[in-house]
Protein backbone atom coordinates (compact mmCIF):
# COMPACT_ATOMS: atom_id res chain seq x y z
CA MET A 1 65.80 73.64 -18.35
CA GLU A 2 67.90 76.68 -17.68
CA THR A 3 69.88 77.74 -14.61
CA HIS A 4 72.59 80.23 -13.68
CA ARG A 5 75.83 80.13 -11.68
CA LEU A 6 78.02 82.96 -10.43
CA VAL A 7 81.77 82.32 -10.67
CA LEU A 8 83.22 83.02 -7.21
CA PRO A 9 86.86 83.11 -5.99
CA GLU A 10 86.65 79.53 -4.69
CA ASP A 11 85.75 78.36 -8.22
CA LEU A 12 89.05 79.56 -9.72
CA ASN A 13 92.18 77.62 -10.58
CA HIS A 14 95.75 78.72 -9.79
CA PHE A 15 95.76 80.99 -12.90
CA GLY A 16 92.64 82.90 -11.81
CA PHE A 17 90.22 81.27 -14.26
CA LEU A 18 87.24 78.99 -13.66
CA PHE A 19 88.42 75.49 -12.76
CA GLY A 20 87.26 73.09 -15.48
CA GLY A 21 86.20 70.43 -12.99
CA ARG A 22 83.90 72.90 -11.28
CA LEU A 23 82.13 73.69 -14.55
CA LEU A 24 81.76 69.96 -15.29
CA ALA A 25 80.15 69.43 -11.88
CA TRP A 26 77.71 72.31 -12.45
CA VAL A 27 76.80 71.03 -15.91
CA ASP A 28 76.28 67.47 -14.64
CA GLU A 29 74.12 68.70 -11.77
CA ALA A 30 71.98 70.94 -13.99
CA CYS A 31 71.34 68.17 -16.52
CA TRP A 32 70.68 65.62 -13.79
CA ILE A 33 68.01 67.97 -12.41
CA ALA A 34 66.52 68.34 -15.91
CA ALA A 35 66.39 64.55 -16.32
CA SER A 36 64.86 64.10 -12.87
CA LEU A 37 62.15 66.65 -13.68
CA ASP A 38 61.44 65.06 -17.07
CA TYR A 39 61.30 61.55 -15.54
CA PRO A 40 60.27 62.05 -11.89
CA HIS A 41 59.83 58.33 -11.23
CA CYS A 42 63.44 57.48 -12.25
CA GLN A 43 66.72 57.37 -10.35
CA PHE A 44 69.54 58.51 -12.65
CA VAL A 45 73.27 58.03 -12.69
CA THR A 46 75.65 59.70 -15.14
CA ILE A 47 77.14 57.22 -17.60
CA GLY A 48 78.85 59.48 -20.08
CA MET A 49 79.77 62.93 -21.22
CA ASP A 50 80.69 63.51 -24.85
CA LYS A 51 83.56 65.70 -25.94
CA VAL A 52 84.76 68.04 -23.21
CA GLU A 53 86.17 71.22 -24.73
CA PHE A 54 86.35 74.59 -23.05
CA ARG A 55 86.20 77.23 -25.80
CA HIS A 56 87.58 80.12 -23.72
CA SER A 57 88.49 80.99 -20.16
CA VAL A 58 86.05 82.37 -17.60
CA ARG A 59 86.91 84.96 -14.96
CA GLN A 60 85.57 85.61 -11.47
CA GLY A 61 82.25 87.44 -11.44
CA THR A 62 80.98 85.89 -14.67
CA ILE A 63 77.34 84.84 -14.56
CA LEU A 64 77.01 81.56 -16.43
CA ASN A 65 73.80 80.52 -18.16
CA ILE A 66 73.52 76.70 -18.32
CA ARG A 67 70.91 75.36 -20.76
CA CYS A 68 69.94 71.67 -20.84
CA GLU A 69 67.66 70.10 -23.43
CA LEU A 70 66.58 66.50 -23.92
CA GLY A 71 68.28 65.22 -27.06
CA HIS A 72 67.61 61.48 -27.16
CA GLU A 73 65.52 59.02 -25.20
CA GLY A 74 66.41 55.35 -25.19
CA ARG A 75 64.81 52.43 -23.37
CA THR A 76 66.81 52.91 -20.15
CA SER A 77 68.77 56.10 -20.84
CA ALA A 78 68.31 59.74 -21.78
CA SER A 79 70.84 62.14 -23.30
CA TYR A 80 70.84 65.88 -22.79
CA LYS A 81 72.49 68.56 -24.86
CA VAL A 82 74.02 71.26 -22.69
CA GLU A 83 75.32 74.70 -23.60
CA VAL A 84 76.99 77.19 -21.26
CA PHE A 85 77.01 80.91 -22.06
CA ASP A 86 78.31 84.10 -20.50
CA ARG A 87 74.99 85.64 -19.41
CA ARG A 88 76.26 89.18 -19.88
CA ASN A 89 77.61 88.54 -23.38
CA THR A 90 74.62 86.98 -25.13
CA ALA A 91 76.06 87.53 -28.63
CA ALA A 92 79.13 85.39 -27.89
CA PRO A 93 79.26 81.70 -28.82
CA PRO A 94 78.91 79.14 -26.01
CA ILE A 95 81.77 78.76 -23.56
CA PHE A 96 81.15 75.02 -23.37
CA THR A 97 78.90 72.41 -25.00
CA THR A 98 78.53 68.67 -24.56
CA VAL A 99 76.01 65.84 -24.41
CA ILE A 100 75.50 64.02 -21.11
CA THR A 101 73.86 60.60 -20.89
CA TYR A 102 72.06 59.28 -17.82
CA VAL A 103 70.79 55.78 -17.19
CA SER A 104 67.80 54.94 -15.03
CA VAL A 105 68.63 52.43 -12.28
CA ASP A 106 66.77 50.58 -9.55
CA ASP A 107 67.79 50.50 -5.88
CA ALA A 108 70.34 47.75 -6.62
CA GLY A 109 71.95 49.78 -9.42
CA ARG A 110 70.49 47.68 -12.28
CA LYS A 111 69.21 49.42 -15.38
CA ARG A 112 65.48 49.94 -15.51
CA PRO A 113 63.20 51.31 -18.26
CA LEU A 114 62.41 55.01 -18.36
CA ARG A 115 58.73 54.37 -19.05
């Protein structure tokens, strides 16, 4: 799955760059949507995000390209590889990469199988 976000003034930190927490929220949301589309009968919660490393700063007006791809499927969980790019600078390496893991839960919050 692929989506885009525009970095607006309200997304910036006190130094004028994209606030890291905002990017993490966008990434989590995009991958959660990907998981929900891949497994429409499941309810997912985020259980982990691998290494969080921002490779360079992002300024206002940047159009981010967020790409999510299923990496691993377990019995009750699924992990997604995510890469974030500057949409206008397609030759540049990713701004951010990580792997996010979601677990399928029932209405009481207990793990349940994906299939």
